[in-house]
Amino acid sequence: MTFEEMFAEVKQRLAGADVSHIREHLAYQFNITGDGAGSFYVEVKDGKLFVEPYEYYDRDVAFTCSAKTLEKIADGKQDPVLAFTLGKLKVDGSIEKALKLKEVLKS
């Protein structure tokens, strides 16, 4: 799967997320390694969700993982905390805000 295909799938999955209840600003960058490598960001701002295929320089958290790991997390088949513990997901930045990603994914 190319980065563009993977990104389109992620954006589609998150398109219906209702984040209107999240009032704080959250900015996550995802760095995908291996097949389909690339970067994209997920931002929650003013209760709206933005997903774009660019780096986010003032991000709160940067996640680094393979496309396969990201897919499992997005499908709910892999707990992000467990993926981090197993070394499948690297986190750089605010751990507090990183943990709020679950809330965004459940929306």
N, C-alpha and C. Protein backbone atom coordinates (compact mmCIF):
# COMPACT_ATOMS: atom_id res chain seq x y z
N MET A 1 0.85 -1.18 0.00
CA MET A 1 0.00 0.00 0.00
C MET A 1 0.90 1.24 0.00
N THR A 2 0.60 2.19 -0.86
CA THR A 2 1.39 3.42 -0.90
C THR A 2 0.98 4.34 0.24
N PHE A 3 1.79 5.35 0.49
CA PHE A 3 1.46 6.32 1.53
C PHE A 3 0.14 7.01 1.19
N GLU A 4 -0.04 7.38 -0.06
CA GLU A 4 -1.25 8.09 -0.47
C GLU A 4 -2.50 7.24 -0.22
N GLU A 5 -2.43 5.94 -0.51
CA GLU A 5 -3.56 5.05 -0.27
C GLU A 5 -3.83 4.90 1.22
N MET A 6 -2.76 4.73 1.99
CA MET A 6 -2.91 4.59 3.44
C MET A 6 -3.49 5.87 4.04
N PHE A 7 -2.98 7.03 3.60
CA PHE A 7 -3.48 8.30 4.12
C PHE A 7 -4.96 8.49 3.79
N ALA A 8 -5.35 8.18 2.56
CA ALA A 8 -6.76 8.32 2.15
C ALA A 8 -7.66 7.46 3.02
N GLU A 9 -7.20 6.26 3.35
CA GLU A 9 -7.97 5.36 4.20
C GLU A 9 -8.10 5.92 5.62
N VAL A 10 -7.00 6.42 6.17
CA VAL A 10 -7.04 7.01 7.51
C VAL A 10 -7.97 8.22 7.53
N LYS A 11 -7.84 9.09 6.54
CA LYS A 11 -8.69 10.29 6.49
C LYS A 11 -10.16 9.91 6.40
N GLN A 12 -10.47 8.90 5.60
CA GLN A 12 -11.86 8.45 5.47
C GLN A 12 -12.38 7.90 6.80
N ARG A 13 -11.57 7.12 7.48
CA ARG A 13 -11.99 6.54 8.77
C ARG A 13 -12.28 7.62 9.80
N LEU A 14 -11.49 8.68 9.78
CA LEU A 14 -11.65 9.74 10.78
C LEU A 14 -12.67 10.80 10.36
N ALA A 15 -13.13 10.76 9.12
CA ALA A 15 -14.01 11.80 8.58
C ALA A 15 -15.28 11.99 9.41
N GLY A 16 -15.83 10.94 9.93
CA GLY A 16 -17.08 11.04 10.68
C GLY A 16 -16.91 11.24 12.17
N ALA A 17 -15.69 11.41 12.62
CA ALA A 17 -15.44 11.54 14.06
C ALA A 17 -16.05 12.83 14.60
N ASP A 18 -16.77 12.71 15.69
CA ASP A 18 -17.36 13.88 16.35
C ASP A 18 -16.44 14.30 17.49
N VAL A 19 -15.69 15.35 17.26
CA VAL A 19 -14.76 15.84 18.29
C VAL A 19 -15.24 17.17 18.86
N SER A 20 -16.51 17.48 18.67
CA SER A 20 -17.05 18.76 19.13
C SER A 20 -16.96 18.93 20.64
N HIS A 21 -16.88 17.82 21.36
CA HIS A 21 -16.77 17.87 22.82
C HIS A 21 -15.33 18.11 23.31
N ILE A 22 -14.37 18.02 22.40
CA ILE A 22 -12.96 18.25 22.77
C ILE A 22 -12.66 19.72 22.55
N ARG A 23 -12.44 20.42 23.62
CA ARG A 23 -12.26 21.87 23.56
C ARG A 23 -10.79 22.29 23.50
N GLU A 24 -9.89 21.42 23.87
CA GLU A 24 -8.49 21.82 23.83
C GLU A 24 -7.89 21.55 22.45
N HIS A 25 -6.80 22.22 22.17
CA HIS A 25 -6.10 22.03 20.89
C HIS A 25 -5.19 20.82 21.02
N LEU A 26 -5.30 19.88 20.07
CA LEU A 26 -4.45 18.70 20.02
C LEU A 26 -3.86 18.58 18.63
N ALA A 27 -2.56 18.38 18.54
CA ALA A 27 -1.91 18.23 17.24
C ALA A 27 -1.00 17.02 17.28
N TYR A 28 -1.32 16.02 16.46
CA TYR A 28 -0.57 14.78 16.40
C TYR A 28 0.06 14.62 15.02
N GLN A 29 1.33 14.31 14.99
CA GLN A 29 1.97 13.98 13.73
C GLN A 29 2.26 12.49 13.73
N PHE A 30 1.98 11.84 12.61
CA PHE A 30 2.26 10.42 12.46
C PHE A 30 3.35 10.25 11.41
N ASN A 31 4.45 9.64 11.81
CA ASN A 31 5.55 9.33 10.91
C ASN A 31 5.48 7.84 10.62
N ILE A 32 5.17 7.49 9.39
CA ILE A 32 5.00 6.09 9.01
C ILE A 32 6.31 5.59 8.41
N THR A 33 6.76 4.44 8.90
CA THR A 33 8.02 3.86 8.45
C THR A 33 7.76 2.63 7.58
N GLY A 34 8.78 2.18 6.87
CA GLY A 34 8.66 0.97 6.05
C GLY A 34 7.83 1.22 4.80
N ASP A 35 7.10 0.18 4.37
CA ASP A 35 6.25 0.32 3.19
C ASP A 35 5.21 1.41 3.44
N GLY A 36 5.02 2.28 2.48
CA GLY A 36 4.05 3.36 2.63
C GLY A 36 4.54 4.47 3.52
N ALA A 37 5.86 4.68 3.59
CA ALA A 37 6.43 5.69 4.48
C ALA A 37 5.98 7.09 4.10
N GLY A 38 5.81 7.93 5.12
CA GLY A 38 5.41 9.32 4.93
C GLY A 38 4.95 9.90 6.25
N SER A 39 4.50 11.14 6.23
CA SER A 39 4.03 11.81 7.44
C SER A 39 2.69 12.48 7.18
N PHE A 40 1.84 12.49 8.21
CA PHE A 40 0.59 13.24 8.15
C PHE A 40 0.25 13.69 9.56
N TYR A 41 -0.71 14.61 9.65
CA TYR A 41 -1.10 15.06 10.98
C TYR A 41 -2.60 14.98 11.18
N VAL A 42 -2.96 14.88 12.46
CA VAL A 42 -4.34 14.92 12.90
C VAL A 42 -4.40 16.04 13.92
N GLU A 43 -5.30 17.00 13.68
CA GLU A 43 -5.41 18.15 14.58
C GLU A 43 -6.86 18.31 15.02
N VAL A 44 -7.04 18.57 16.32
CA VAL A 44 -8.34 18.94 16.85
C VAL A 44 -8.22 20.39 17.27
N LYS A 45 -9.05 21.22 16.66
CA LYS A 45 -8.99 22.66 16.94
C LYS A 45 -10.41 23.22 16.93
N ASP A 46 -10.78 23.88 18.01
CA ASP A 46 -12.12 24.47 18.13
C ASP A 46 -13.23 23.45 17.88
N GLY A 47 -13.03 22.22 18.35
CA GLY A 47 -14.04 21.18 18.22
C GLY A 47 -14.17 20.60 16.82
N LYS A 48 -13.18 20.86 15.96
CA LYS A 48 -13.19 20.33 14.59
C LYS A 48 -11.95 19.49 14.36
N LEU A 49 -12.08 18.49 13.50
CA LEU A 49 -10.98 17.57 13.20
C LEU A 49 -10.41 17.86 11.81
N PHE A 50 -9.09 17.93 11.75
CA PHE A 50 -8.39 18.14 10.49
C PHE A 50 -7.37 17.02 10.32
N VAL A 51 -7.32 16.43 9.14
CA VAL A 51 -6.36 15.36 8.83
C VAL A 51 -5.73 15.73 7.50
N GLU A 52 -4.42 15.98 7.51
CA GLU A 52 -3.74 16.43 6.30
C GLU A 52 -2.41 15.71 6.10
N PRO A 53 -1.98 15.54 4.85
CA PRO A 53 -0.75 14.78 4.56
C PRO A 53 0.53 15.62 4.62
N TYR A 54 0.70 16.31 5.72
CA TYR A 54 1.88 17.16 5.89
C TYR A 54 2.45 16.97 7.29
N GLU A 55 3.67 17.45 7.49
CA GLU A 55 4.24 17.48 8.83
C GLU A 55 3.61 18.65 9.59
N TYR A 56 3.58 18.55 10.90
CA TYR A 56 3.02 19.60 11.76
C TYR A 56 4.12 20.00 12.72
N TYR A 57 4.71 21.16 12.50
CA TYR A 57 5.92 21.53 13.23
C TYR A 57 5.67 21.94 14.68
N ASP A 58 4.49 22.44 15.02
CA ASP A 58 4.19 22.81 16.40
C ASP A 58 3.33 21.74 17.07
N ARG A 59 3.56 20.52 16.70
CA ARG A 59 2.76 19.40 17.20
C ARG A 59 2.95 19.20 18.70
N ASP A 60 1.95 18.58 19.30
CA ASP A 60 2.05 18.20 20.71
C ASP A 60 2.77 16.87 20.85
N VAL A 61 2.54 15.99 19.88
CA VAL A 61 3.08 14.63 19.94
C VAL A 61 3.42 14.16 18.53
N ALA A 62 4.52 13.44 18.41
CA ALA A 62 4.85 12.75 17.15
C ALA A 62 4.85 11.26 17.43
N PHE A 63 4.08 10.53 16.65
CA PHE A 63 4.05 9.07 16.74
C PHE A 63 4.82 8.51 15.55
N THR A 64 5.62 7.49 15.78
CA THR A 64 6.34 6.82 14.71
C THR A 64 6.04 5.34 14.78
N CYS A 65 5.56 4.79 13.66
CA CYS A 65 5.23 3.36 13.61
C CYS A 65 5.11 2.93 12.16
N SER A 66 4.95 1.64 11.96
CA SER A 66 4.73 1.12 10.61
C SER A 66 3.27 1.33 10.22
N ALA A 67 2.99 1.25 8.93
CA ALA A 67 1.61 1.37 8.45
C ALA A 67 0.75 0.25 9.03
N LYS A 68 1.34 -0.93 9.17
CA LYS A 68 0.62 -2.08 9.72
C LYS A 68 0.19 -1.83 11.16
N THR A 69 1.10 -1.28 11.97
CA THR A 69 0.76 -0.97 13.37
C THR A 69 -0.32 0.09 13.43
N LEU A 70 -0.20 1.13 12.60
CA LEU A 70 -1.21 2.18 12.59
C LEU A 70 -2.58 1.62 12.21
N GLU A 71 -2.61 0.74 11.23
CA GLU A 71 -3.87 0.14 10.81
C GLU A 71 -4.50 -0.65 11.95
N LYS A 72 -3.70 -1.42 12.68
CA LYS A 72 -4.22 -2.20 13.81
C LYS A 72 -4.76 -1.29 14.90
N ILE A 73 -4.07 -0.18 15.18
CA ILE A 73 -4.54 0.77 16.19
C ILE A 73 -5.85 1.39 15.74
N ALA A 74 -5.91 1.82 14.48
CA ALA A 74 -7.13 2.45 13.94
C ALA A 74 -8.31 1.49 13.93
N ASP A 75 -8.05 0.20 13.70
CA ASP A 75 -9.11 -0.81 13.69
C ASP A 75 -9.53 -1.25 15.09
N GLY A 76 -8.81 -0.79 16.11
CA GLY A 76 -9.10 -1.20 17.47
C GLY A 76 -8.55 -2.58 17.80
N LYS A 77 -7.69 -3.12 16.95
CA LYS A 77 -7.10 -4.44 17.17
C LYS A 77 -5.80 -4.37 17.96
N GLN A 78 -5.27 -3.17 18.13
CA GLN A 78 -4.02 -2.98 18.88
C GLN A 78 -4.20 -1.78 19.79
N ASP A 79 -4.04 -1.99 21.08
CA ASP A 79 -4.10 -0.89 22.03
C ASP A 79 -2.85 -0.04 21.86
N PRO A 80 -2.99 1.29 21.70
CA PRO A 80 -1.82 2.14 21.50
C PRO A 80 -0.81 2.07 22.65
N VAL A 81 -1.31 1.95 23.88
CA VAL A 81 -0.40 1.87 25.03
C VAL A 81 0.40 0.58 24.97
N LEU A 82 -0.24 -0.52 24.60
CA LEU A 82 0.46 -1.79 24.47
C LEU A 82 1.47 -1.73 23.32
N ALA A 83 1.08 -1.10 22.21
CA ALA A 83 2.00 -0.95 21.07
C ALA A 83 3.24 -0.18 21.50
N PHE A 84 3.05 0.86 22.31
CA PHE A 84 4.18 1.63 22.84
C PHE A 84 5.05 0.76 23.73
N THR A 85 4.42 0.01 24.62
CA THR A 85 5.14 -0.86 25.55
C THR A 85 5.95 -1.92 24.80
N LEU A 86 5.41 -2.42 23.70
CA LEU A 86 6.09 -3.45 22.91
C LEU A 86 7.13 -2.87 21.95
N GLY A 87 7.24 -1.54 21.91
CA GLY A 87 8.21 -0.91 21.02
C GLY A 87 7.75 -0.78 19.58
N LYS A 88 6.47 -1.03 19.34
CA LYS A 88 5.93 -0.91 17.98
C LYS A 88 5.50 0.51 17.65
N LEU A 89 5.36 1.33 18.68
CA LEU A 89 4.93 2.71 18.53
C LEU A 89 5.85 3.59 19.36
N LYS A 90 6.50 4.54 18.71
CA LYS A 90 7.37 5.48 19.42
C LYS A 90 6.61 6.78 19.59
N VAL A 91 6.79 7.39 20.77
CA VAL A 91 6.08 8.62 21.09
C VAL A 91 7.10 9.68 21.48
N ASP A 92 7.00 10.85 20.85
CA ASP A 92 7.87 11.97 21.17
C ASP A 92 7.00 13.18 21.44
N GLY A 93 7.03 13.67 22.67
CA GLY A 93 6.22 14.84 23.02
C GLY A 93 5.44 14.60 24.30
N SER A 94 4.31 15.26 24.41
CA SER A 94 3.47 15.22 25.60
C SER A 94 2.76 13.87 25.74
N ILE A 95 3.16 13.11 26.73
CA ILE A 95 2.51 11.81 26.98
C ILE A 95 1.05 12.04 27.37
N GLU A 96 0.79 13.10 28.13
CA GLU A 96 -0.58 13.42 28.54
C GLU A 96 -1.48 13.61 27.32
N LYS A 97 -1.01 14.37 26.35
CA LYS A 97 -1.82 14.59 25.14
C LYS A 97 -1.82 13.35 24.25
N ALA A 98 -0.76 12.57 24.29
CA ALA A 98 -0.71 11.32 23.51
C ALA A 98 -1.82 10.38 23.96
N LEU A 99 -2.05 10.32 25.26
CA LEU A 99 -3.09 9.44 25.79
C LEU A 99 -4.49 9.87 25.37
N LYS A 100 -4.65 11.13 25.00
CA LYS A 100 -5.96 11.63 24.56
C LYS A 100 -6.30 11.19 23.14
N LEU A 101 -5.34 10.59 22.45
CA LEU A 101 -5.60 10.11 21.10
C LEU A 101 -6.72 9.07 21.10
N LYS A 102 -6.79 8.26 22.14
CA LYS A 102 -7.87 7.27 22.25
C LYS A 102 -9.24 7.94 22.17
N GLU A 103 -9.36 9.09 22.83
CA GLU A 103 -10.62 9.82 22.83
C GLU A 103 -10.97 10.29 21.42
N VAL A 104 -9.98 10.73 20.67
CA VAL A 104 -10.20 11.17 19.29
C VAL A 104 -10.62 9.98 18.42
N LEU A 105 -9.94 8.85 18.59
CA LEU A 105 -10.23 7.66 17.78
C LEU A 105 -11.61 7.08 18.08
N LYS A 106 -12.07 7.22 19.32
CA LYS A 106 -13.38 6.68 19.70
C LYS A 106 -14.53 7.57 19.23
N SER A 107 -14.24 8.81 18.90
CA SER A 107 -15.28 9.78 18.53
C SER A 107 -15.94 9.45 17.22
